[in-house]
């Protein structure tokens, strides 16, 4: 357990340091790009991304999760697993691209929207190969190379996209930047993977069949997850307008930046928890319990804080053209909390080879969200003049239901009364912060944020939420992340650095 904890802490700190950099870069792009493209332009872009994320369900076919789990258990199979995955992704992508062209023609999207869809589709192919590299690196628990790829590709994307916008280019060139970004990421991840373990192309017909069969449950799970998260955008495009997709997308993009902590934690946990399930199942409960506490400690203040300042925050970042995204972002603040918990619970079921449980949960959520969207989107359009708000409400209902059923389905004893007592105190601290921030939301955006941080930390200390052991873990994570961040600043990233 101690070795696993150190490995998780190391990988989490590596990714946290990189996330600080990539989060800052993404935030810059998130602020600047919508201001130049406008709500309608962002709506077209988000629609293309959402369509390809849904199509990627079949292209990926659950192979990312399988690669990480299998390689973490037997690194010697890396070349066979990687080669087979790349071959399958290429074949399925070619079929998917043809189907997407047919769909775009049948729905009769505007020509510019079609062009964006085709460009993002090309980028999606390179992202698919990069994803296979990242899943393999994750299985080897060498997250530093994943982080390097994220930093360099995010830097490339931000600089090039903003430069094009400042020089007067529009939506299509900015969309084309996604192709270059995917190629940059792919190059770094592939070179790193090849250095760690020399890759050999090993295609075996029997390996193809085994991979498809073994990946199918993960494909179903990821399929439901993606369809569930992206179907709102498609429904909004069919029932209202691309501008409202822009409002929804602005809130969705910000929400994505606010879940970087649980994303980092889950990426570090999967290989370790998968291995622990086989070698030390008793320690898995301790890991789950501690992860639950640390997750709540971070996601509750973020979620409640976003909810409290949603309206002024979205106008401050994007401008008045996106003002109607404020109520959407407020709902998404609560979704951040539910979503983070669901990530942890789902990760547990996957690492313990019980992914079928979470497939059922995701299947029910997906089935429920579609009729909810078709009811809530037009109703909110009629009542509030904001159909996209209905998509956010649908998201809130289903995420809340998933939290409830997910926690119920956990094995008995996985979480106990101590976790409940911890959650109650963290929630009280978060509500105290919310009450103060709400009163200050009319001031400059920096003031309620700064005061909210002070109030939350003070409440956490007053309620004695964090134990000495937790302080030690947090200190270790923070020190390691800070050390690596300083090292990253001190020298330019290069793929040919010695491997630690």
Protein backbone atom coordinates (compact mmCIF):
# COMPACT_ATOMS: atom_id res chain seq x y z
CA UNK A 1 0.00 0.00 0.00
CA UNK A 2 2.86 2.39 0.84
CA UNK A 3 4.61 1.78 -2.50
CA UNK A 4 1.31 2.20 -4.34
CA UNK A 5 0.59 5.40 -2.44
CA UNK A 6 4.01 6.80 -3.34
CA UNK A 7 3.50 5.90 -7.00
CA UNK A 8 0.05 7.49 -7.05
CA UNK A 9 1.37 10.59 -5.27
CA UNK A 10 4.26 10.87 -7.74
CA UNK A 11 2.06 10.47 -10.81
CA UNK A 12 -0.64 12.74 -9.42
CA UNK A 13 1.91 15.44 -8.61
CA UNK A 14 3.45 15.17 -12.08
CA UNK A 15 0.07 15.56 -13.72
CA UNK A 16 -1.00 18.28 -11.29
CA UNK A 17 2.05 20.36 -12.16
CA UNK A 18 1.33 19.97 -15.86
CA UNK A 19 -2.35 20.66 -15.31
CA UNK A 20 -1.49 24.01 -13.73
CA UNK A 21 0.27 24.94 -16.96
CA UNK A 22 -2.25 23.44 -19.38
CA UNK A 23 -5.17 24.79 -17.35
CA UNK A 24 -3.73 28.29 -17.64
CA UNK A 25 -3.20 27.90 -21.38
CA UNK A 26 -6.65 26.42 -21.87
CA UNK A 27 -8.19 29.24 -19.87
CA UNK A 28 -6.50 31.82 -22.09
CA UNK A 29 -7.86 30.12 -25.19
CA UNK A 30 -11.24 29.66 -23.53
CA UNK A 31 -11.45 33.38 -22.90
CA UNK A 32 -10.02 34.73 -26.16
CA UNK A 33 -11.43 32.39 -28.83
CA UNK A 34 -15.16 32.88 -28.03
CA UNK A 35 -14.74 36.66 -28.00
CA UNK A 36 -13.53 36.58 -31.60
CA UNK A 37 -15.72 33.79 -33.00
CA UNK A 38 -18.90 34.78 -31.14
CA UNK A 39 -21.59 32.50 -29.78
CA UNK A 40 -22.64 31.23 -33.23
CA UNK A 41 -19.07 30.40 -34.26
CA UNK A 42 -18.38 28.57 -31.00
CA UNK A 43 -21.70 26.78 -31.46
CA UNK A 44 -20.59 25.39 -34.84
CA UNK A 45 -17.24 24.33 -33.39
CA UNK A 46 -18.79 22.65 -30.34
CA UNK A 47 -21.32 20.82 -32.51
CA UNK A 48 -18.49 19.35 -34.61
CA UNK A 49 -16.57 18.33 -31.49
CA UNK A 50 -19.64 16.74 -29.92
CA UNK A 51 -20.50 14.77 -33.06
CA UNK A 52 -16.99 13.38 -33.30
CA UNK A 53 -16.87 12.58 -29.60
CA UNK A 54 -19.97 10.47 -30.11
CA UNK A 55 -18.44 8.82 -33.18
CA UNK A 56 -15.21 8.24 -31.23
CA UNK A 57 -17.15 5.79 -29.07
CA UNK A 58 -16.91 3.29 -31.91
CA UNK A 59 -13.44 4.32 -33.06
CA UNK A 60 -11.88 3.90 -29.62
CA UNK A 61 -14.06 0.86 -28.86
CA UNK A 62 -13.05 0.98 -25.19
CA UNK A 63 -9.44 0.15 -26.10
CA UNK A 64 -7.89 2.97 -24.03
CA UNK A 65 -9.04 1.49 -20.73
CA UNK A 66 -8.09 -2.02 -21.82
CA UNK A 67 -4.59 -0.89 -22.83
CA UNK A 68 -3.98 0.82 -19.49
CA UNK A 69 -5.21 -2.13 -17.43
CA UNK A 70 -3.49 -4.87 -19.43
CA UNK A 71 -0.16 -3.07 -19.79
CA UNK A 72 -0.09 -2.21 -16.07
CA UNK A 73 -0.45 -5.93 -15.35
CA UNK A 74 1.92 -7.22 -18.07
CA UNK A 75 4.17 -4.56 -19.72
CA UNK A 76 5.74 -7.21 -22.01
CA UNK A 77 2.56 -7.21 -24.12
CA UNK A 78 2.87 -3.52 -24.98
CA UNK A 79 3.81 -3.89 -28.68
CA UNK A 80 1.07 -6.40 -29.50
CA UNK A 81 -1.62 -4.44 -27.68
CA UNK A 82 -0.55 -1.08 -29.10
CA UNK A 83 -0.19 -2.29 -32.71
CA UNK A 84 -3.53 -4.06 -32.66
CA UNK A 85 -5.27 -1.02 -31.20
CA UNK A 86 -3.84 1.35 -33.83
CA UNK A 87 -4.88 -0.96 -36.68
CA UNK A 88 -8.43 -1.25 -35.38
CA UNK A 89 -8.77 2.50 -34.80
CA UNK A 90 -7.63 3.28 -38.35
CA UNK A 91 -10.11 0.92 -39.99
CA UNK A 92 -13.05 2.03 -37.85
CA UNK A 93 -12.20 5.72 -38.38
CA UNK A 94 -12.36 5.41 -42.17
CA UNK A 95 -15.84 3.89 -41.93
CA UNK A 96 -16.88 6.52 -39.39
CA UNK A 97 -15.76 9.42 -41.60
CA UNK A 98 -17.94 8.19 -44.46
CA UNK A 99 -20.92 7.88 -42.12
CA UNK A 100 -20.33 11.40 -40.76
CA UNK A 101 -20.31 12.88 -44.28
CA UNK A 102 -23.62 11.15 -45.01
CA UNK A 103 -25.14 12.40 -41.74
CA UNK A 104 -24.05 16.00 -42.33
CA UNK A 105 -25.64 15.93 -45.77
CA UNK A 106 -28.90 14.38 -44.55
CA UNK A 107 -29.34 16.87 -41.69
CA UNK A 108 -28.44 19.68 -44.11
CA UNK A 109 -26.17 21.65 -41.81
CA UNK A 110 -24.82 24.95 -43.26
CA UNK A 111 -21.76 24.45 -45.45
CA UNK A 112 -19.41 26.13 -42.97
CA UNK A 113 -20.64 23.79 -40.24
CA UNK A 114 -20.01 20.79 -42.52
CA UNK A 115 -16.47 21.98 -43.24
CA UNK A 116 -15.75 22.34 -39.52
CA UNK A 117 -17.07 18.82 -38.95
CA UNK A 118 -14.73 17.39 -41.61
CA UNK A 119 -11.69 19.26 -40.25
CA UNK A 120 -12.34 18.17 -36.68
CA UNK A 121 -12.79 14.64 -38.00
CA UNK A 122 -9.28 14.64 -39.45
CA UNK A 123 -7.93 15.90 -36.14
CA UNK A 124 -9.86 13.17 -34.35
CA UNK A 125 -7.93 10.49 -36.24
CA UNK A 126 -4.57 11.78 -35.00
CA UNK A 127 -6.00 12.23 -31.48
CA UNK A 128 -7.04 8.57 -31.59
CA UNK A 129 -3.48 7.38 -32.23
CA UNK A 130 -2.19 9.78 -29.58
CA UNK A 131 -4.77 8.36 -27.17
CA UNK A 132 -3.41 4.86 -27.73
CA UNK A 133 0.06 6.17 -26.85
CA UNK A 134 -1.22 7.92 -23.73
CA UNK A 135 -3.14 4.86 -22.56
CA UNK A 136 0.03 2.79 -22.95
CA UNK A 137 2.10 5.35 -21.04
CA UNK A 138 -0.54 5.39 -18.33
CA UNK A 139 -0.31 1.61 -18.09
CA UNK A 140 3.46 1.95 -17.63
CA UNK A 141 2.73 4.62 -15.00
CA UNK A 142 4.96 7.15 -16.76
CA UNK A 143 2.63 10.11 -16.55
CA UNK A 144 5.43 12.63 -16.98
CA UNK A 145 5.46 12.02 -20.73
CA UNK A 146 1.69 12.37 -20.92
CA UNK A 147 2.10 15.68 -19.11
CA UNK A 148 4.86 16.79 -21.45
CA UNK A 149 2.67 16.12 -24.47
CA UNK A 150 -0.23 18.00 -22.90
CA UNK A 151 1.91 21.04 -22.11
CA UNK A 152 3.57 21.30 -25.53
CA UNK A 153 0.38 20.65 -27.52
CA UNK A 154 -1.63 23.09 -25.38
CA UNK A 155 1.05 25.75 -25.86
CA UNK A 156 1.02 25.18 -29.61
CA UNK A 157 -2.78 25.30 -29.79
CA UNK A 158 -3.12 28.45 -27.70
CA UNK A 159 -0.39 30.44 -29.44
CA UNK A 160 -1.34 29.50 -33.01
CA UNK A 161 -5.11 29.88 -32.54
CA UNK A 162 -4.84 33.29 -30.89
CA UNK A 163 -2.31 34.46 -33.50
CA UNK A 164 -4.69 33.51 -36.30
CA UNK A 165 -7.60 35.29 -34.63
CA UNK A 166 -5.55 38.45 -34.07
CA UNK A 167 -4.57 38.43 -37.74
CA UNK A 168 -8.22 38.31 -38.76
CA UNK A 169 -8.71 34.64 -39.62
CA UNK A 170 -12.03 33.00 -38.83
CA UNK A 171 -13.57 29.73 -37.79
CA UNK A 172 -12.13 27.29 -40.36
CA UNK A 173 -8.43 28.15 -39.84
CA UNK A 174 -8.93 28.00 -36.07
CA UNK A 175 -10.54 24.58 -36.44
CA UNK A 176 -7.57 23.48 -38.56
CA UNK A 177 -5.29 24.28 -35.61
CA UNK A 178 -6.81 21.23 -33.94
CA UNK A 179 -5.17 19.03 -36.59
CA UNK A 180 -1.74 20.50 -35.86
CA UNK A 181 -2.27 20.20 -32.12
CA UNK A 182 -3.16 16.53 -32.44
CA UNK A 183 -0.03 15.88 -34.53
CA UNK A 184 2.19 17.61 -31.96
CA UNK A 185 0.71 15.55 -29.14
CA UNK A 186 0.99 12.34 -31.14
CA UNK A 187 4.65 12.96 -31.97
CA UNK A 188 5.65 13.53 -28.36
CA UNK A 189 3.66 10.62 -26.94
CA UNK A 190 4.88 8.18 -29.59
CA UNK A 191 8.56 9.11 -29.21
CA UNK A 192 8.30 8.82 -25.44
CA UNK A 193 6.60 5.45 -25.61
CA UNK A 194 9.14 4.16 -28.11
CA UNK A 195 12.00 5.24 -25.84
CA UNK A 196 10.56 3.47 -22.83
CA UNK A 197 9.97 0.24 -24.73
CA UNK A 198 10.98 -0.27 -28.35
CA UNK A 199 7.74 -0.67 -30.30
CA UNK A 200 7.39 -3.42 -32.86
CA UNK A 201 4.47 -3.76 -35.26
CA UNK A 202 2.87 -7.07 -34.32
CA UNK A 203 -0.45 -7.70 -36.02
CA UNK A 204 -2.11 -11.01 -35.29
CA UNK A 205 -5.61 -11.87 -36.41
CA UNK A 206 -6.27 -13.64 -33.11
CA UNK A 207 -5.15 -10.52 -31.20
CA UNK A 208 -7.67 -8.42 -33.13
CA UNK A 209 -10.53 -10.68 -32.13
CA UNK A 210 -9.43 -10.86 -28.50
CA UNK A 211 -9.06 -7.10 -28.24
CA UNK A 212 -12.50 -6.44 -29.70
CA UNK A 213 -14.06 -8.94 -27.33
CA UNK A 214 -12.18 -7.69 -24.26
CA UNK A 215 -12.78 -4.01 -25.11
CA UNK A 216 -16.51 -4.35 -25.77
CA UNK A 217 -17.60 -3.74 -22.14
CA UNK A 218 -15.40 -0.64 -21.94
CA UNK A 219 -16.75 0.53 -25.30
CA UNK A 220 -20.27 0.26 -23.93
CA UNK A 221 -19.28 2.18 -20.82
CA UNK A 222 -17.41 4.95 -22.65
CA UNK A 223 -20.17 5.01 -25.26
CA UNK A 224 -22.84 5.69 -22.71
CA UNK A 225 -20.60 8.25 -20.99
CA UNK A 226 -19.89 10.20 -24.18
CA UNK A 227 -23.41 9.95 -25.56
CA UNK A 228 -24.74 11.01 -22.20
CA UNK A 229 -22.43 14.03 -21.96
CA UNK A 230 -22.73 15.18 -25.59
CA UNK A 231 -26.32 14.42 -26.54
CA UNK A 232 -27.43 17.74 -25.05
CA UNK A 233 -25.47 19.63 -27.70
CA UNK A 234 -27.02 17.63 -30.54
CA UNK A 235 -30.57 18.10 -29.17
CA UNK A 236 -30.00 21.85 -28.73
CA UNK A 237 -28.78 22.07 -32.34
CA UNK A 238 -31.95 20.34 -33.55
CA UNK A 239 -34.46 22.23 -31.36
CA UNK A 240 -33.08 25.74 -30.99
CA UNK A 241 -30.03 27.47 -32.50
CA UNK A 242 -26.27 27.30 -32.92
CA UNK A 243 -25.96 30.49 -30.87
CA UNK A 244 -27.50 28.72 -27.90
CA UNK A 245 -25.01 25.90 -28.41
CA UNK A 246 -22.42 28.66 -28.00
CA UNK A 247 -23.90 29.67 -24.62
CA UNK A 248 -23.99 26.04 -23.53
CA UNK A 249 -20.49 25.39 -24.87
CA UNK A 250 -19.04 28.36 -22.98
CA UNK A 251 -20.38 26.98 -19.70
CA UNK A 252 -19.32 23.45 -20.65
CA UNK A 253 -15.77 24.55 -21.48
CA UNK A 254 -15.38 26.33 -18.16
CA UNK A 255 -16.80 23.32 -16.35
CA UNK A 256 -14.17 21.17 -18.03
CA UNK A 257 -11.37 23.35 -16.66
CA UNK A 258 -12.78 23.06 -13.15
CA UNK A 259 -12.65 19.25 -13.02
CA UNK A 260 -8.90 19.01 -13.60
CA UNK A 261 -8.26 17.83 -10.03
CA UNK A 262 -10.50 14.75 -10.19
CA UNK A 263 -9.24 14.10 -13.73
CA UNK A 264 -5.63 14.05 -12.51
CA UNK A 265 -6.50 11.89 -9.51
CA UNK A 266 -8.39 9.34 -11.63
CA UNK A 267 -5.57 9.07 -14.18
CA UNK A 268 -3.10 8.32 -11.37
CA UNK A 269 -5.45 5.89 -9.63
CA UNK A 270 -6.46 3.59 -12.50
CA UNK A 271 -3.21 1.63 -13.06
CA UNK A 272 -2.45 1.44 -9.33
CA UNK A 273 -5.96 0.39 -8.33
CA UNK A 274 -6.15 -2.16 -11.18
CA UNK A 275 -2.91 -3.75 -9.99
CA UNK A 276 -4.00 -3.52 -6.35
CA UNK A 277 -7.25 -5.32 -7.13
CA UNK A 278 -5.19 -8.34 -8.21
CA UNK A 279 -2.33 -8.21 -5.72
CA UNK A 280 -3.69 -6.45 -2.60
CA UNK A 281 -7.52 -6.28 -2.64
CA UNK A 282 -7.73 -5.32 1.05
CA UNK A 283 -5.76 -2.15 0.38
CA UNK A 284 -8.19 -1.09 -2.35
CA UNK A 285 -10.80 -0.10 0.27
CA UNK A 286 -8.30 2.16 2.04
CA UNK A 287 -7.38 3.77 -1.27
CA UNK A 288 -11.02 4.32 -2.19
CA UNK A 289 -11.85 5.85 1.20
CA UNK A 290 -8.90 8.25 1.17
CA UNK A 291 -9.51 9.24 -2.46
CA UNK A 292 -13.17 10.00 -1.68
CA UNK A 293 -12.19 12.38 1.11
CA UNK A 294 -9.52 14.19 -0.90
CA UNK A 295 -11.87 14.49 -3.86
CA UNK A 296 -14.63 16.13 -1.82
CA UNK A 297 -12.13 18.47 -0.20
CA UNK A 298 -11.31 19.94 -3.62
CA UNK A 299 -14.50 19.62 -5.69
CA UNK A 300 -17.03 21.02 -3.19
CA UNK A 301 -15.45 24.51 -2.92
CA UNK A 302 -14.88 24.61 -6.68
CA UNK A 303 -18.44 23.58 -7.51
CA UNK A 304 -20.16 25.84 -4.97
CA UNK A 305 -17.83 28.71 -5.82
CA UNK A 306 -18.62 28.45 -9.54
CA UNK A 307 -22.33 28.39 -8.75
CA UNK A 308 -22.05 31.55 -6.62
CA UNK A 309 -20.26 33.72 -9.21
CA UNK A 310 -21.45 32.11 -12.45
CA UNK A 311 -23.17 35.15 -14.00
CA UNK A 312 -20.42 37.73 -13.45
CA UNK A 313 -17.71 35.16 -14.23
CA UNK A 314 -19.01 34.22 -17.67
CA UNK A 315 -19.59 37.85 -18.68
CA UNK A 316 -16.15 38.81 -17.37
CA UNK A 317 -14.47 36.06 -19.37
CA UNK A 318 -16.53 36.00 -22.58
CA UNK A 319 -18.41 39.26 -22.84
CA UNK A 320 -22.10 40.16 -22.95
CA UNK A 321 -22.79 37.95 -26.01
CA UNK A 322 -22.52 34.97 -23.64
CA UNK A 323 -24.48 36.42 -20.72
CA UNK A 324 -27.21 33.79 -21.08
CA UNK A 325 -24.58 31.17 -20.28
CA UNK A 326 -24.47 32.38 -16.66
CA UNK A 327 -27.47 30.37 -15.40
CA UNK A 328 -26.13 27.34 -17.28
CA UNK A 329 -22.75 27.68 -15.58
CA UNK A 330 -24.43 28.02 -12.17
CA UNK A 331 -26.11 24.63 -12.63
CA UNK A 332 -22.85 23.18 -13.91
CA UNK A 333 -21.16 24.21 -10.66
CA UNK A 334 -23.28 21.65 -8.80
CA UNK A 335 -22.71 19.18 -11.64
CA UNK A 336 -18.94 19.49 -11.00
CA UNK A 337 -19.42 17.99 -7.53
CA UNK A 338 -21.65 15.13 -8.71
CA UNK A 339 -19.47 14.47 -11.74
CA UNK A 340 -16.30 14.24 -9.63
CA UNK A 341 -17.87 11.69 -7.29
CA UNK A 342 -19.14 9.69 -10.25
CA UNK A 343 -15.65 9.63 -11.77
CA UNK A 344 -14.27 8.04 -8.60
CA UNK A 345 -17.08 5.52 -8.22
CA UNK A 346 -16.90 4.54 -11.89
CA UNK A 347 -13.13 4.19 -11.65
CA UNK A 348 -13.53 1.76 -8.76
CA UNK A 349 -15.86 -0.50 -10.72
CA UNK A 350 -13.51 -0.46 -13.73
CA UNK A 351 -10.33 -1.20 -11.76
CA UNK A 352 -12.05 -4.04 -9.87
CA UNK A 353 -13.25 -5.66 -13.13
CA UNK A 354 -16.89 -4.85 -12.35
CA UNK A 355 -17.36 -2.36 -15.19
CA UNK A 356 -20.69 -3.99 -16.04
CA UNK A 357 -22.18 -2.30 -12.95
CA UNK A 358 -21.20 1.15 -14.18
CA UNK A 359 -22.32 0.28 -17.71
CA UNK A 360 -25.82 -0.25 -16.29
CA UNK A 361 -25.69 3.08 -14.43
CA UNK A 362 -24.50 4.94 -17.54
CA UNK A 363 -27.04 3.19 -19.75
CA UNK A 364 -29.91 4.27 -17.52
CA UNK A 365 -28.55 7.83 -17.34
CA UNK A 366 -28.26 8.02 -21.13
CA UNK A 367 -31.74 6.64 -21.70
CA UNK A 368 -33.18 9.10 -19.17
CA UNK A 369 -31.31 12.18 -20.42
CA UNK A 370 -32.65 12.00 -23.99
CA UNK A 371 -36.35 12.43 -23.13
CA UNK A 372 -35.37 14.94 -20.43
CA UNK A 373 -33.58 17.01 -23.08
CA UNK A 374 -36.52 16.88 -25.46
CA UNK A 375 -38.83 18.06 -22.66
CA UNK A 376 -36.62 20.57 -20.81
CA UNK A 377 -34.93 22.26 -23.79
CA UNK A 378 -38.15 23.46 -25.48
CA UNK A 379 -39.75 24.21 -22.08
CA UNK A 380 -36.83 26.43 -21.03
CA UNK A 381 -36.86 28.05 -24.45
CA UNK A 382 -40.54 28.88 -24.01
CA UNK A 383 -40.30 30.08 -20.40
CA UNK A 384 -36.81 31.63 -20.18
CA UNK A 385 -35.88 32.16 -23.82
CA UNK A 386 -32.88 29.92 -23.15
CA UNK A 387 -33.33 26.35 -24.33
CA UNK A 388 -29.72 25.52 -23.49
CA UNK A 389 -30.58 25.96 -19.80
CA UNK A 390 -32.75 22.86 -20.17
CA UNK A 391 -29.70 20.84 -21.18
CA UNK A 392 -27.98 21.89 -17.96
CA UNK A 393 -31.01 20.94 -15.86
CA UNK A 394 -31.10 17.53 -17.51
CA UNK A 395 -27.42 17.09 -16.72
CA UNK A 396 -28.03 17.97 -13.05
CA UNK A 397 -30.87 15.47 -12.65
CA UNK A 398 -29.00 12.56 -14.19
CA UNK A 399 -25.67 13.25 -12.42
CA UNK A 400 -27.49 13.42 -9.08
CA UNK A 401 -29.21 10.12 -9.80
CA UNK A 402 -25.90 8.50 -10.76
CA UNK A 403 -24.28 9.60 -7.49
CA UNK A 404 -27.14 8.07 -5.54
CA UNK A 405 -27.18 4.72 -7.33
CA UNK A 406 -23.40 4.53 -7.66
CA UNK A 407 -22.82 4.90 -3.93
CA UNK A 408 -25.56 2.37 -3.19
CA UNK A 409 -23.93 -0.16 -5.54
CA UNK A 410 -20.51 0.10 -3.89
CA UNK A 411 -19.56 -3.01 -1.86
CA UNK A 412 -20.49 -2.81 1.81
CA UNK A 413 -17.74 -1.20 3.86
CA UNK A 414 -16.05 0.52 0.92
CA UNK A 415 -17.11 3.85 2.44
CA UNK A 416 -18.07 4.16 6.11
CA UNK A 417 -19.42 6.67 8.63
CA UNK A 418 -16.04 8.40 8.80
CA UNK A 419 -16.38 9.34 5.13
CA UNK A 420 -19.90 10.62 5.82
CA UNK A 421 -18.68 12.72 8.75
CA UNK A 422 -15.87 14.08 6.58
CA UNK A 423 -18.32 14.92 3.78
CA UNK A 424 -20.67 16.71 6.18
CA UNK A 425 -17.93 18.98 7.54
CA UNK A 426 -16.59 19.77 4.08
CA UNK A 427 -20.13 20.62 2.92
CA UNK A 428 -20.64 22.94 5.90
CA UNK A 429 -17.38 24.71 5.08
CA UNK A 430 -18.44 25.00 1.43
CA UNK A 431 -21.85 26.44 2.33
CA UNK A 432 -20.22 28.99 4.65
CA UNK A 433 -18.01 30.04 1.76
CA UNK A 434 -21.03 30.22 -0.57
CA UNK A 435 -22.98 32.47 1.82
CA UNK A 436 -20.14 35.00 1.93
CA UNK A 437 -19.29 34.86 -1.79
CA UNK A 438 -22.95 35.31 -2.77
CA UNK A 439 -23.05 38.64 -0.92
CA UNK A 440 -19.93 39.83 -2.76
CA UNK A 441 -20.80 38.66 -6.27
CA UNK A 442 -21.51 42.22 -7.46
CA UNK A 443 -17.92 43.32 -6.80
CA UNK A 444 -14.93 42.77 -9.07
CA UNK A 445 -14.63 39.05 -9.75
CA UNK A 446 -11.28 38.75 -7.96
CA UNK A 447 -12.72 39.89 -4.62
CA UNK A 448 -15.34 37.14 -4.05
CA UNK A 449 -12.85 34.53 -5.26
CA UNK A 450 -10.13 35.65 -2.84
CA UNK A 451 -12.52 36.03 0.08
CA UNK A 452 -14.11 32.66 -0.71
CA UNK A 453 -10.74 30.91 -0.51
CA UNK A 454 -9.99 32.50 2.85
CA UNK A 455 -13.42 31.62 4.28
CA UNK A 456 -13.24 28.01 3.06
CA UNK A 457 -9.74 27.37 4.41
CA UNK A 458 -10.67 29.00 7.72
CA UNK A 459 -13.79 26.84 8.02
CA UNK A 460 -11.84 23.69 7.16
CA UNK A 461 -9.33 24.45 9.92
CA UNK A 462 -12.01 25.40 12.43
CA UNK A 463 -13.94 22.17 11.80
CA UNK A 464 -10.72 20.12 11.95
CA UNK A 465 -11.59 18.42 8.69
CA UNK A 466 -8.09 17.37 7.69
CA UNK A 467 -6.26 14.78 9.79
CA UNK A 468 -2.46 14.82 10.25
CA UNK A 469 -2.17 11.93 7.75
CA UNK A 470 -4.16 13.87 5.15
CA UNK A 471 -2.00 16.93 5.72
CA UNK A 472 1.06 14.77 5.06
CA UNK A 473 -0.41 13.48 1.78
CA UNK A 474 -1.40 16.97 0.64
CA UNK A 475 2.01 18.34 1.58
CA UNK A 476 3.71 15.56 -0.36
CA UNK A 477 1.56 16.19 -3.42
CA UNK A 478 2.07 19.93 -3.25
CA UNK A 479 5.83 19.73 -2.72
CA UNK A 480 6.34 17.29 -5.56
CA UNK A 481 4.11 19.28 -7.93
CA UNK A 482 5.90 22.53 -7.03
CA UNK A 483 9.30 20.92 -7.48
CA UNK A 484 8.41 19.58 -10.91
CA UNK A 485 6.78 22.84 -11.93
CA UNK A 486 9.94 24.74 -11.01
CA UNK A 487 12.04 22.22 -12.93
CA UNK A 488 9.75 22.59 -15.96
CA UNK A 489 10.17 26.36 -15.84
CA UNK A 490 13.92 26.11 -15.41
CA UNK A 491 14.47 24.16 -18.60
CA UNK A 492 12.56 23.84 -21.89
CA UNK A 493 10.79 20.50 -22.28
CA UNK A 494 12.65 18.09 -24.52
CA UNK A 495 11.76 14.56 -25.32
CA UNK A 496 15.40 13.49 -25.12
CA UNK A 497 15.85 14.29 -21.44
CA UNK A 498 17.10 11.35 -19.35
CA UNK A 499 14.29 9.22 -18.01
CA UNK A 500 13.98 9.46 -14.22
